[in-house]
Amino acid sequence: MSDTKKQIPLRISSKLYEQLAAWAKDDFRSLNGQIEYLLSECVKKRRKIDTDIDNHSKKEE
């Protein structure tokens, strides 16, 4: 997988933008960095959940 970053358009509400910007500031990140961090964490969490489900299913077989 390439480390090249992809650009995507993102449309969010003004309220969500303000909340994310404040959160990013609290975490000493740029807004873009905060969004990338949050998405990465969600993907990791989903992978863990999928792995846990797969492991549980295999134990039942």
Protein backbone atom coordinates (compact mmCIF):
# COMPACT_ATOMS: atom_id res chain seq x y z
CA MET A 1 0.00 0.00 0.00
CA SER A 2 1.32 3.41 -0.90
CA ASP A 3 1.86 6.08 1.74
CA THR A 4 0.59 8.71 -0.68
CA LYS A 5 -2.27 10.63 0.89
CA LYS A 6 -5.49 10.92 -1.07
CA GLN A 7 -7.58 14.05 -1.17
CA ILE A 8 -11.33 13.75 -0.82
CA PRO A 9 -14.05 16.39 -0.64
CA LEU A 10 -15.91 16.34 2.65
CA ARG A 11 -19.14 18.15 3.36
CA ILE A 12 -20.16 18.44 6.99
CA SER A 13 -22.50 20.71 8.90
CA SER A 14 -21.19 23.92 10.41
CA LYS A 15 -21.97 22.60 13.89
CA LEU A 16 -19.97 19.40 13.36
CA TYR A 17 -17.12 21.42 11.83
CA GLU A 18 -16.98 23.66 14.90
CA GLN A 19 -17.05 20.68 17.27
CA LEU A 20 -14.28 18.87 15.38
CA ALA A 21 -12.18 22.03 15.16
CA ALA A 22 -12.47 22.56 18.93
CA TRP A 23 -11.58 18.91 19.59
CA ALA A 24 -8.60 19.15 17.25
CA LYS A 25 -7.40 22.26 19.06
CA ASP A 26 -7.70 20.48 22.43
CA ASP A 27 -5.63 17.57 21.04
CA PHE A 28 -3.05 19.90 19.41
CA ARG A 29 -3.91 18.64 15.93
CA SER A 30 -5.02 20.29 12.73
CA LEU A 31 -8.63 19.69 11.79
CA ASN A 32 -7.50 17.45 8.93
CA GLY A 33 -5.20 15.55 11.31
CA GLN A 34 -8.02 15.10 13.79
CA ILE A 35 -10.39 13.74 11.17
CA GLU A 36 -7.71 11.35 9.89
CA TYR A 37 -6.97 10.21 13.46
CA LEU A 38 -10.64 9.59 14.22
CA LEU A 39 -11.19 7.66 11.01
CA SER A 40 -8.09 5.54 11.70
CA GLU A 41 -9.33 4.73 15.20
CA CYS A 42 -12.73 3.72 13.85
CA VAL A 43 -11.13 1.41 11.29
CA LYS A 44 -8.93 -0.20 13.99
CA LYS A 45 -11.97 -0.68 16.22
CA ARG A 46 -13.96 -2.24 13.40
CA ARG A 47 -11.10 -4.61 12.54
CA LYS A 48 -10.93 -5.69 16.19
CA ILE A 49 -14.68 -6.26 16.34
CA ASP A 50 -14.61 -8.23 13.06
CA THR A 51 -11.68 -10.30 14.35
CA ASP A 52 -13.43 -10.96 17.66
CA ILE A 53 -16.59 -12.06 15.84
CA ASP A 54 -14.57 -14.35 13.53
CA ASN A 55 -12.72 -15.88 16.49
CA HIS A 56 -15.96 -16.40 18.40
CA SER A 57 -17.57 -18.06 15.38
CA LYS A 58 -14.61 -20.42 14.96
CA LYS A 59 -14.82 -21.46 18.63
CA GLU A 60 -18.46 -22.43 18.16
CA GLU A 61 -17.71 -24.73 15.20
